[in-house]
Protein backbone atom coordinates (compact mmCIF):
# COMPACT_ATOMS: atom_id res chain seq x y z
CA MET A 1 198.30 123.47 150.17
CA LYS A 2 198.77 121.45 146.43
CA MET A 3 201.32 119.47 148.21
CA LEU A 4 198.12 117.96 150.34
CA ASN A 5 195.65 114.97 149.05
CA TYR A 6 192.90 113.21 151.42
CA ARG A 7 195.49 110.93 152.20
CA VAL A 8 197.88 112.97 153.69
CA ILE A 9 194.91 114.43 155.35
CA ILE A 10 194.08 111.41 156.66
CA PHE A 11 197.17 110.57 157.88
CA LEU A 12 197.63 113.69 159.82
CA ALA A 13 194.74 113.41 161.48
CA ALA A 14 195.55 110.24 162.23
CA LEU A 15 198.84 110.86 163.95
CA ILE A 16 197.14 114.07 165.86
CA PHE A 17 194.48 111.88 167.00
CA GLY A 18 197.32 109.36 168.14
CA VAL A 19 199.22 111.73 170.13
CA ALA A 20 196.32 113.77 171.96
CA PHE A 21 195.23 110.81 172.99
CA SER A 22 198.53 109.13 173.84
CA VAL A 23 199.77 111.99 176.38
CA PRO A 24 197.39 111.12 179.49
CA THR A 25 198.71 107.51 179.52
CA LEU A 26 202.48 109.14 178.41
CA ILE A 27 202.78 111.58 181.27
CA GLN A 28 200.39 109.92 183.60
CA SER A 29 198.41 113.04 184.21
CA GLU A 30 195.07 112.86 186.23
CA SER A 31 192.73 114.20 183.28
CA GLY A 32 192.09 112.22 180.45
CA LYS A 33 191.45 108.71 179.43
CA LYS A 34 194.68 106.53 179.92
CA ILE A 35 195.60 102.60 179.91
CA THR A 36 195.08 100.78 182.87
CA LEU A 37 197.87 98.17 183.79
CA GLY A 38 197.64 94.96 184.46
CA LEU A 39 198.33 92.87 187.55
CA ASP A 40 201.82 91.54 186.24
CA LEU A 41 202.64 95.38 185.43
CA GLN A 42 201.05 97.12 188.45
CA GLY A 43 200.53 94.10 190.83
CA GLY A 44 196.85 93.18 193.14
CA LEU A 45 195.21 90.61 193.98
CA HIS A 46 195.39 86.99 192.70
CA MET A 47 192.59 84.31 194.23
CA LEU A 48 191.71 80.62 193.87
CA LEU A 49 188.32 80.36 194.83
CA GLY A 50 186.60 76.95 195.01
CA VAL A 51 183.08 76.24 194.16
CA LYS A 52 180.46 74.29 197.10
CA THR A 53 178.06 72.69 194.22
CA GLU A 54 176.40 70.49 197.12
CA GLU A 55 174.92 73.96 197.78
CA ALA A 56 173.16 74.94 194.80
CA VAL A 57 171.89 71.26 194.85
CA LYS A 58 170.17 72.49 197.98
CA SER A 59 168.93 75.53 196.61
CA ARG A 60 167.52 74.12 193.30
CA VAL A 61 165.63 71.66 195.23
CA LYS A 62 163.89 74.87 197.62
CA SER A 63 163.44 76.32 194.15
CA PHE A 64 161.64 73.32 193.07
CA ALA A 65 159.59 73.24 196.84
CA ALA A 66 158.71 77.22 196.08
CA SER A 67 157.68 76.71 192.46
CA LEU A 68 155.36 73.53 193.48
CA LYS A 69 153.77 75.26 196.62
CA TYR A 70 152.81 78.34 194.05
CA LEU A 71 151.22 76.11 191.48
CA LEU A 72 149.83 74.06 194.46
CA ASP A 73 147.75 76.79 195.53
CA ASP A 74 147.01 78.56 192.25
CA LYS A 75 144.93 75.43 191.24
CA GLU A 76 143.63 74.77 194.99
CA ILE A 77 144.84 71.43 195.46
CA ILE A 78 144.90 70.89 199.15
CA PHE A 79 147.90 69.81 200.94
CA ASP A 80 149.85 69.39 204.28
CA GLU A 81 152.86 71.44 204.51
CA LEU A 82 155.90 70.69 202.01
CA LYS A 83 158.74 69.84 203.59
CA ILE A 84 162.27 69.28 202.80
CA SER A 85 165.10 66.86 204.16
CA ASP A 86 168.06 65.01 202.53
CA ASP A 87 167.41 67.21 198.85
CA THR A 88 163.84 64.92 198.75
CA ILE A 89 160.53 67.14 198.83
CA ARG A 90 157.65 65.28 200.98
CA PHE A 91 154.53 66.24 200.99
CA GLU A 92 150.76 64.33 201.49
CA LEU A 93 147.45 65.37 199.66
CA LEU A 94 144.29 65.14 201.52
CA ASP A 95 142.29 64.32 198.71
CA GLU A 96 142.30 61.71 196.23
CA LEU A 97 141.01 63.13 193.19
CA ASP A 98 143.94 65.34 193.26
CA VAL A 99 146.26 63.08 192.62
CA ALA A 100 146.01 63.07 189.12
CA LYS A 101 146.78 67.01 188.80
CA VAL A 102 149.88 66.59 191.05
CA THR A 103 151.54 64.50 188.75
CA LYS A 104 150.61 66.61 185.95
CA ILE A 105 151.94 69.63 187.47
CA VAL A 106 155.13 68.10 188.07
CA SER A 107 155.34 66.12 185.23
CA ASP A 108 154.87 69.27 183.20
CA GLU A 109 156.60 72.27 185.37
CA LEU A 110 159.39 70.55 187.65
CA LYS A 111 161.69 69.26 184.59
CA GLY A 112 164.71 67.28 186.59
CA THR A 113 162.53 65.67 189.00
CA LYS A 114 160.94 62.44 190.13
CA LEU A 115 157.73 61.81 191.37
CA THR A 116 156.99 58.81 193.46
CA HIS A 117 153.59 57.75 195.81
CA GLU A 118 152.12 55.50 198.10
CA GLY A 119 148.42 56.72 198.23
CA LEU A 120 148.07 60.49 199.26
CA GLN A 121 151.88 60.37 200.46
CA PHE A 122 154.18 62.25 197.31
CA THR A 123 157.61 62.03 197.22
CA ILE A 124 159.92 64.49 194.57
CA ASP A 125 163.50 63.72 194.21
CA ILE A 126 165.74 65.68 191.95
CA THR A 127 167.31 63.43 188.87
CA PRO A 128 170.97 62.85 188.71
CA GLU A 129 171.13 64.21 185.40
CA GLU A 130 169.66 67.95 186.74
CA ILE A 131 172.06 67.11 190.12
CA GLU A 132 174.84 66.93 187.31
CA ALA A 133 173.78 69.97 185.62
CA THR A 134 173.11 72.03 188.17
CA LYS A 135 176.75 71.34 189.39
CA LYS A 136 178.28 72.83 185.94
CA ASN A 137 175.62 75.53 186.18
CA ALA A 138 176.52 76.53 189.33
CA VAL A 139 180.24 77.09 188.47
CA SER A 140 179.46 78.82 185.18
CA GLN A 141 177.23 81.48 186.61
CA ALA A 142 179.50 81.83 189.59
CA VAL A 143 182.69 82.70 186.66
CA ASP A 144 179.44 85.50 184.93
CA THR A 145 178.36 86.77 188.55
CA ILE A 146 181.67 87.48 189.70
CA ARG A 147 182.66 88.82 186.66
CA ASN A 148 179.51 91.59 186.68
CA ARG A 149 180.13 92.33 190.26
CA LEU A 150 184.20 93.09 189.80
CA ASP A 151 183.29 95.17 186.06
CA GLN A 152 180.11 96.97 188.15
CA PHE A 153 182.28 97.80 191.17
CA GLY A 154 184.51 99.88 188.21
CA LEU A 155 187.68 97.61 187.97
CA ALA A 156 189.08 97.79 185.34
CA GLU A 157 189.65 94.71 182.94
CA PRO A 158 189.18 91.58 185.91
CA SER A 159 190.55 88.32 184.84
CA VAL A 160 187.62 85.82 185.95
CA ALA A 161 188.34 82.33 184.46
CA LYS A 162 186.69 78.96 185.61
CA GLN A 163 189.95 75.96 186.16
CA GLY A 164 189.32 72.45 186.92
CA GLU A 165 185.79 71.17 187.09
CA ASP A 166 184.65 73.32 190.55
CA LYS A 167 187.36 75.84 190.77
CA ILE A 168 187.82 79.77 189.60
CA LEU A 169 191.00 82.12 189.59
CA VAL A 170 190.50 85.68 190.15
CA GLU A 171 193.03 88.60 189.11
CA VAL A 172 192.15 91.77 189.90
CA PRO A 173 194.80 94.39 189.25
CA GLY A 174 195.69 97.19 191.09
CA VAL A 175 194.28 96.51 194.81
CA LYS A 176 196.64 98.54 196.64
CA THR A 177 195.02 99.17 200.07
CA ALA A 178 193.93 96.38 202.39
CA GLU A 179 190.40 97.84 202.81
CA GLU A 180 190.06 97.52 198.75
CA GLU A 181 190.95 94.06 199.11
CA GLN A 182 188.64 93.43 201.84
CA ARG A 183 185.83 95.28 200.03
CA ILE A 184 186.47 92.74 197.20
CA ARG A 185 186.86 89.76 198.73
CA GLU A 186 183.01 90.36 200.33
CA LEU A 187 181.66 91.39 197.44
CA ILE A 188 183.07 88.38 195.32
CA GLY A 189 181.97 86.03 198.63
CA ARG A 190 178.58 87.55 199.05
CA ALA A 191 176.10 85.02 198.00
CA ALA A 192 173.51 87.65 197.34
CA HIS A 193 170.52 85.06 198.22
CA LEU A 194 167.74 87.18 198.53
CA GLN A 195 163.92 85.51 199.96
CA MET A 196 160.91 86.43 201.21
CA MET A 197 159.59 84.32 203.79
CA ALA A 198 156.51 84.04 205.78
CA VAL A 199 156.73 83.92 209.69
CA ASP A 200 155.48 81.07 211.24
CA GLU A 201 152.88 83.08 213.56
CA ASP A 202 151.49 79.39 215.53
CA ARG A 203 154.72 78.94 216.93
CA ALA A 204 157.28 82.00 216.93
CA ALA A 205 156.28 82.69 220.45
CA ARG A 206 158.84 79.44 220.92
CA VAL A 207 161.66 80.33 218.78
CA MET A 208 164.30 81.16 221.65
CA VAL A 209 163.60 77.77 223.18
CA MET A 210 163.01 75.49 219.86
CA SER A 211 166.32 73.53 218.47
CA PRO A 212 166.83 73.58 214.48
CA GLU A 213 165.33 69.63 214.21
CA GLU A 214 162.44 70.56 216.05
CA ALA A 215 161.88 73.94 213.84
CA GLN A 216 162.62 71.07 210.68
CA SER A 217 160.03 68.87 212.36
CA TYR A 218 157.21 71.72 211.01
CA GLY A 219 158.79 72.69 208.09
CA ASP A 220 160.25 75.62 209.74
CA VAL A 221 163.68 76.77 209.85
CA ILE A 222 165.50 79.62 212.64
CA LEU A 223 167.20 82.56 210.57
CA PRO A 224 169.22 85.41 213.16
CA ASP A 225 168.33 88.72 212.47
CA VAL A 226 171.22 91.35 210.95
CA LYS A 227 171.77 93.44 213.71
CA THR A 228 170.42 91.87 216.83
CA ASP A 229 170.47 88.44 218.83
CA GLU A 230 166.46 88.19 217.70
CA ARG A 231 165.67 84.63 216.04
CA TYR A 232 162.68 84.23 213.92
CA LEU A 233 160.74 80.81 212.79
CA LEU A 234 160.28 81.19 209.68
CA ARG A 235 158.50 78.52 206.82
CA GLN A 236 161.25 76.68 205.26
CA ILE A 237 159.82 77.07 201.84
CA PRO A 238 160.24 80.65 201.01
CA ILE A 239 157.43 82.63 199.03
CA LEU A 240 159.87 83.62 196.24
CA ASP A 241 163.62 84.31 195.85
CA GLY A 242 166.23 86.59 194.00
CA SER A 243 165.75 84.88 190.58
CA MET A 244 162.94 86.84 189.98
CA LEU A 245 164.43 90.51 190.63
CA THR A 246 165.58 92.66 187.78
CA ASP A 247 166.80 95.29 189.83
CA ALA A 248 168.38 96.57 193.25
CA THR A 249 169.24 100.52 193.65
CA VAL A 250 170.70 102.79 196.67
CA GLY A 251 168.01 105.46 197.96
CA PHE A 252 167.15 106.76 200.97
CA ASP A 253 164.62 106.34 204.04
CA GLN A 254 162.64 109.45 205.71
CA ASN A 255 165.71 108.81 208.32
CA ASN A 256 168.13 109.37 205.52
CA GLN A 257 169.77 106.34 206.36
CA PRO A 258 170.96 103.77 203.26
CA VAL A 259 168.06 101.36 201.86
CA ILE A 260 168.19 99.16 199.01
CA ASN A 261 165.12 99.18 196.96
CA PHE A 262 164.14 96.28 194.65
CA ALA A 263 162.07 95.28 192.17
CA LEU A 264 160.47 92.40 190.49
CA ASN A 265 159.61 90.27 187.67
CA GLY A 266 155.96 89.84 186.22
CA GLN A 267 155.88 86.45 188.33
CA GLY A 268 157.37 87.96 191.14
CA ALA A 269 155.10 90.85 191.37
CA ARG A 270 152.14 88.42 190.66
CA ILE A 271 153.56 85.62 193.84
CA PHE A 272 154.33 88.90 196.29
CA GLY A 273 150.62 90.39 195.86
CA ASP A 274 149.30 87.49 196.58
CA PHE A 275 150.62 86.46 199.29
CA SER A 276 150.42 89.77 200.66
CA GLY A 277 146.86 89.73 199.89
CA LYS A 278 146.23 86.73 201.69
CA SER A 279 148.89 87.58 204.85
CA ILE A 280 147.52 90.80 205.93
CA GLY A 281 148.61 90.80 209.54
CA LYS A 282 150.98 88.45 209.62
CA ARG A 283 154.89 89.18 208.95
CA MET A 284 156.98 88.59 205.71
CA ALA A 285 160.88 88.51 206.60
CA ILE A 286 163.32 89.61 203.96
CA VAL A 287 165.99 87.24 204.44
CA LEU A 288 169.20 88.25 202.29
CA ASP A 289 172.16 85.78 202.52
CA ASN A 290 170.46 83.56 205.32
CA LYS A 291 169.83 86.72 207.85
CA VAL A 292 166.99 88.69 208.29
CA TYR A 293 166.80 92.20 207.56
CA SER A 294 163.26 93.03 208.36
CA ALA A 295 160.01 91.34 209.06
CA PRO A 296 157.39 93.89 208.51
CA SER A 297 153.55 93.05 208.91
CA ILE A 298 151.42 93.04 205.99
CA ARG A 299 148.80 96.13 206.42
CA GLU A 300 147.84 95.67 203.11
CA ARG A 301 148.12 94.16 199.49
CA ILE A 302 151.38 94.90 198.05
CA GLY A 303 151.16 95.01 194.12
CA GLY A 304 153.48 96.68 191.90
CA GLY A 305 156.45 93.92 192.61
CA HIS A 306 158.58 96.91 194.41
CA GLY A 307 160.26 96.63 198.03
CA GLN A 308 162.81 97.86 200.46
CA ILE A 309 166.01 96.08 202.65
CA SER A 310 167.06 98.29 205.20
CA GLY A 311 169.60 96.95 208.05
CA ASN A 312 171.75 99.76 209.10
CA PHE A 313 174.09 100.15 205.92
CA THR A 314 177.03 102.27 205.23
CA VAL A 315 176.33 104.22 202.22
CA PRO A 316 179.74 101.87 200.26
CA GLU A 317 178.09 98.14 202.04
CA ALA A 318 174.24 99.67 200.51
CA HIS A 319 176.09 100.00 197.00
CA ASP A 320 178.00 97.10 197.31
CA VAL A 321 174.76 94.60 198.24
CA ALA A 322 173.27 96.86 195.40
CA ILE A 323 175.79 95.50 192.93
CA ALA A 324 175.72 91.92 194.14
CA LEU A 325 172.05 91.41 194.20
CA ARG A 326 171.72 93.05 190.24
CA SER A 327 174.75 90.75 189.25
CA GLY A 328 172.77 87.79 190.64
CA ALA A 329 172.56 85.53 193.58
CA LEU A 330 175.23 82.87 193.63
CA LEU A 331 173.95 79.61 192.91
CA ALA A 332 176.31 78.12 195.35
CA PRO A 333 178.74 79.76 197.91
CA VAL A 334 182.40 80.52 197.03
CA GLN A 335 185.38 79.98 199.34
CA ILE A 336 188.84 81.41 199.20
CA GLU A 337 191.32 78.33 198.55
CA GLU A 338 194.14 80.66 197.60
CA LYS A 339 195.15 84.03 198.47
CA ARG A 340 198.34 86.14 197.42
CA SER A 341 198.82 89.90 197.18
CA ILE A 342 200.93 90.52 193.96
CA GLY A 343 203.03 93.57 194.75
CA PRO A 344 204.12 95.89 191.90
CA SER A 345 207.87 95.57 192.09
CA LEU A 346 207.68 92.55 189.33
CA GLY A 347 205.43 95.03 187.29
CA GLU A 348 207.94 97.72 187.43
CA ASP A 349 210.77 95.50 186.24
CA SER A 350 208.36 93.96 183.47
CA ILE A 351 208.04 97.54 182.37
CA ARG A 352 211.68 98.69 182.49
CA ALA A 353 212.62 95.61 180.63
CA SER A 354 209.75 96.10 178.02
CA SER A 355 210.59 99.48 177.55
CA ILE A 356 213.97 99.19 177.02
CA ALA A 357 213.04 96.12 174.42
CA LEU A 358 210.31 98.44 172.43
CA VAL A 359 212.51 101.50 172.33
CA THR A 360 215.60 99.34 171.44
CA GLY A 361 213.70 97.52 168.60
CA PHE A 362 212.16 100.81 167.66
CA LEU A 363 215.94 102.48 167.55
CA ALA A 364 217.12 99.10 165.48
CA VAL A 365 214.23 99.31 162.68
CA VAL A 366 214.48 103.04 162.66
CA VAL A 367 218.14 102.98 162.08
CA PHE A 368 217.86 100.21 159.37
CA MET A 369 215.40 101.78 157.44
CA MET A 370 217.25 105.27 156.96
CA VAL A 371 220.11 103.18 156.61
CA TYR A 372 219.31 100.57 153.49
CA TYR A 373 215.98 103.21 152.34
CA GLY A 374 217.00 106.29 152.01
CA ILE A 375 214.13 108.90 152.93
CA ALA A 376 211.67 105.97 151.72
CA GLY A 377 212.80 104.89 154.88
CA VAL A 378 212.38 108.24 157.08
CA ILE A 379 208.67 108.26 155.55
CA ALA A 380 208.40 104.36 156.65
CA ASN A 381 209.72 105.34 160.38
CA LEU A 382 207.04 108.13 160.73
CA ALA A 383 204.34 105.82 159.46
CA LEU A 384 205.82 103.74 162.42
CA LEU A 385 205.89 105.84 164.96
CA ALA A 386 202.64 107.20 163.86
CA ASN A 387 201.23 103.74 163.80
CA ILE A 388 202.66 103.48 168.12
CA PHE A 389 200.93 106.23 168.79
CA LEU A 390 197.27 105.01 167.58
CA ILE A 391 197.49 101.75 169.27
CA LEU A 392 198.16 103.65 172.42
CA ALA A 393 195.46 106.11 171.80
CA VAL A 394 193.22 103.50 170.77
CA MET A 395 193.91 101.71 173.83
CA SER A 396 193.73 104.98 176.17
CA LEU A 397 190.52 105.72 174.56
CA PHE A 398 188.60 102.21 175.83
CA GLY A 399 190.42 102.27 179.06
CA ALA A 400 192.09 98.75 178.27
CA THR A 401 194.42 96.94 180.11
CA LEU A 402 197.55 96.37 179.20
CA THR A 403 199.70 93.56 180.50
CA LEU A 404 203.12 92.15 179.57
CA PRO A 405 202.04 90.14 177.02
CA GLY A 406 200.49 93.34 175.48
CA MET A 407 203.63 94.95 175.71
CA ALA A 408 205.33 92.35 173.64
CA GLY A 409 202.56 92.44 171.33
CA ILE A 410 203.10 96.28 170.91
CA VAL A 411 206.96 95.15 170.14
CA LEU A 412 206.05 92.53 167.76
CA THR A 413 203.49 95.41 165.81
CA VAL A 414 206.74 97.26 165.23
CA GLY A 415 208.02 94.62 163.38
CA ILE A 416 205.32 94.10 161.43
CA ALA A 417 204.11 97.58 160.51
CA VAL A 418 207.56 98.15 159.07
CA ASP A 419 207.04 94.94 157.23
CA SER A 420 204.53 96.32 154.97
CA ASN A 421 206.62 99.48 154.07
CA ILE A 422 209.76 96.95 153.16
CA ILE A 423 207.06 94.99 151.31
CA ILE A 424 206.45 98.24 149.29
CA ASN A 425 209.76 99.62 148.85
CA GLU A 426 211.51 96.46 147.20
CA ARG A 427 208.44 96.33 144.45
CA VAL A 428 208.65 99.65 144.04
CA ARG A 429 212.84 99.38 143.98
CA GLU A 430 212.29 96.37 141.76
CA LEU A 431 210.26 98.60 138.80
CA LEU A 432 212.90 101.24 139.11
CA ARG A 433 215.22 99.09 138.27
CA GLU A 434 213.05 97.41 135.31
CA GLY A 435 213.45 101.27 133.67
CA ALA A 436 209.58 102.25 134.85
CA GLY A 437 209.27 106.03 135.85
CA VAL A 438 208.85 106.75 139.36
CA ARG A 439 205.16 107.79 138.99
CA LYS A 440 204.39 104.73 137.85
CA ALA A 441 206.73 102.48 139.66
CA LEU A 442 204.65 104.28 142.58
CA SER A 443 201.50 103.27 141.39
CA GLU A 444 202.12 99.72 140.67
CA GLY A 445 204.55 99.11 144.05
CA TYR A 446 201.70 99.95 145.96
CA ASP A 447 199.00 97.96 143.66
CA LYS A 448 200.98 94.72 143.60
CA ALA A 449 202.09 94.82 147.47
CA MET A 450 198.78 95.04 148.53
CA ARG A 451 197.60 91.51 147.88
CA ALA A 452 200.19 90.42 149.67
CA ILE A 453 199.95 92.31 152.95
CA LEU A 454 196.36 92.24 153.11
CA ASP A 455 196.10 88.87 152.60
CA SER A 456 198.47 88.86 155.51
CA ASN A 457 197.25 91.44 157.83
CA ILE A 458 193.37 89.99 157.35
CA THR A 459 195.03 86.05 158.51
CA GLN A 460 196.49 87.80 161.58
CA VAL A 461 193.53 89.78 162.58
CA LEU A 462 191.30 86.89 162.32
CA ALA A 463 194.04 85.14 164.28
CA CYS A 464 193.90 87.85 166.86
CA THR A 465 190.09 87.54 167.15
CA ILE A 466 189.64 84.10 168.03
CA LEU A 467 192.40 84.52 170.48
CA TYR A 468 190.81 87.42 172.22
CA ALA A 469 187.26 85.41 172.12
CA TYR A 470 188.62 82.27 173.52
CA GLY A 471 191.70 83.37 175.11
CA THR A 472 192.02 84.29 178.84
CA GLY A 473 194.16 87.48 180.45
CA ALA A 474 197.25 87.83 179.18
CA ILE A 475 195.89 85.91 175.92
CA LYS A 476 193.61 88.85 175.60
CA GLY A 477 195.79 91.57 176.06
CA PHE A 478 198.66 90.18 173.61
CA ALA A 479 195.32 89.58 171.08
CA LEU A 480 194.34 92.90 171.63
CA THR A 481 197.42 95.18 171.06
CA LEU A 482 198.67 93.54 168.02
CA SER A 483 195.27 93.19 166.35
CA ILE A 484 194.99 97.31 167.15
CA GLY A 485 198.64 97.32 165.44
CA ILE A 486 197.93 95.78 162.21
CA MET A 487 194.56 97.78 161.83
CA ALA A 488 196.65 100.97 162.89
CA SER A 489 199.59 99.77 159.89
CA MET A 490 197.06 99.99 157.28
CA LEU A 491 196.31 103.57 157.79
CA THR A 492 199.76 104.77 158.23
CA ALA A 493 202.18 102.50 156.58
CA ILE A 494 199.99 101.78 153.41
CA LEU A 495 197.40 104.91 152.75
CA GLY A 496 199.71 107.30 154.98
CA THR A 497 203.19 106.96 153.22
CA TYR A 498 201.65 106.88 149.79
CA GLY A 499 199.95 110.07 150.30
CA ILE A 500 203.17 111.30 151.48
CA TYR A 501 204.91 109.44 147.92
CA LEU A 502 202.40 111.27 145.85
CA SER A 503 202.90 115.14 147.55
CA LEU A 504 206.75 114.77 147.16
CA LEU A 505 206.21 113.38 143.73
CA PRO A 506 207.79 116.30 141.79
CA ARG A 507 210.43 116.63 143.78
CA ILE A 508 211.41 113.44 143.09
CA GLU A 509 211.11 113.18 139.68
CA LYS A 510 212.55 116.86 139.59
CA SER A 511 215.81 115.29 141.06
CA LYS A 512 215.83 111.96 139.91
CA ARG A 513 218.10 110.64 142.79
CA TYR A 514 216.44 107.77 143.06
CA ASP A 515 219.50 106.27 145.15
CA LEU A 516 218.54 109.45 147.75
CA TRP A 517 215.20 108.84 147.58
CA PHE A 518 214.75 105.08 147.84
CA GLY A 519 217.81 103.36 148.70
CA LEU A 520 221.29 101.96 147.92
CA GLU A 521 219.75 99.71 145.16
CA GLY A 522 217.73 102.23 143.53
CA LYS A 523 218.18 103.47 140.09
CA LYS A 524 220.40 106.72 139.47
């Protein structure tokens, strides 16, 4: 027990931790957390998406119109129906005294628009700067939204990155069946645009014979039912939309059918409550992606900001819709411009080649260290083995994804980890040749080597942090494995080996065989 010190105890604990959490990955057991292989190693789905940014501009105009309608109603300003055409909002006031009020409302609340009027005829146009900003925001928002959807779907480390001005690259590892691929494609492509729209009760009876152009002339839009051939005539300006949604969860109705329960924020709840209170006896349609899921009659004021979407969902469909709603609606729809299903054959070849490189490199380093540094080389090899186990354990514990560059990072870590011991051993041997005792040589050798090792490792970890923060996919994998390896080497190659030397110090001093302990050039 006297041979144990706190450094050795920490080293042994780290080794046990590394082995314990690496085993599920190494033997690919059914239980336990394991490292997930990336797209380049296990195959999966590769897609290039195009974003229809023009649709984002149209949605932005509708959002402006909905906000304006609520503000005018709130201020009790009387106006003719709002109408949208060619990205322009038009309406007419009935009282000349309200002109100044409307001008102030638009100026204060509808940033990014330009208001013009002739008499009581008002026109609101979205500015060119706002159009450009809306298009850019639509692409950035689509990247974040798609990434959130795939994360909530339970996929490990999907890669979602912007390409060019309006393209998005999506790589999803581990997709093996056509059913999985179809669900992911639908989840990614679903706009999840939730709207609550008033039914035009005055003209609803004629909806089956009405053309879209005629409906637009009334400020209406015709939308289909999600389950049947029925059509609904709805007011074009929505009461509220999914931007006011705060949550969406799957539940079951009284018939044990899956439904989606949603909640609105404070503003949405207030708008919802005010509208329902003024519209008792009328119908309000719940619209998702331009399809009507239900159009119930309002029997009383609905407070609390909660609602329900039903539509003959299966349980998986309901979960996917809820995920899409929670992650947010896409400001603009996306379309698949390129799709490739990547098989695992390349991955198997890559794993085999990388494994050979890792094993060969490891064995070469092990043999070199043993021949050149003697027992010190064996101690360094033990630290190197613990270092590899620690890398695998940490990655397994957090369910990280291992890519081909990540495997390259592990191979590189083998060289970096043993480099610290080489610097330390050379310092110790230098002091031994100068006649210092082994205790002093070890103490000063570690102390002098520590500065160079710390400077080198800190700069490398900083570089890895930058690569991980600003890189994508494969670069992140390389940076992650390399940074874990560097930090693990500080524990194993410095703290651990020094503790082992201190435990063995009485034997080293008694034997006087410094050539055996520290290599061919050591002091005899």
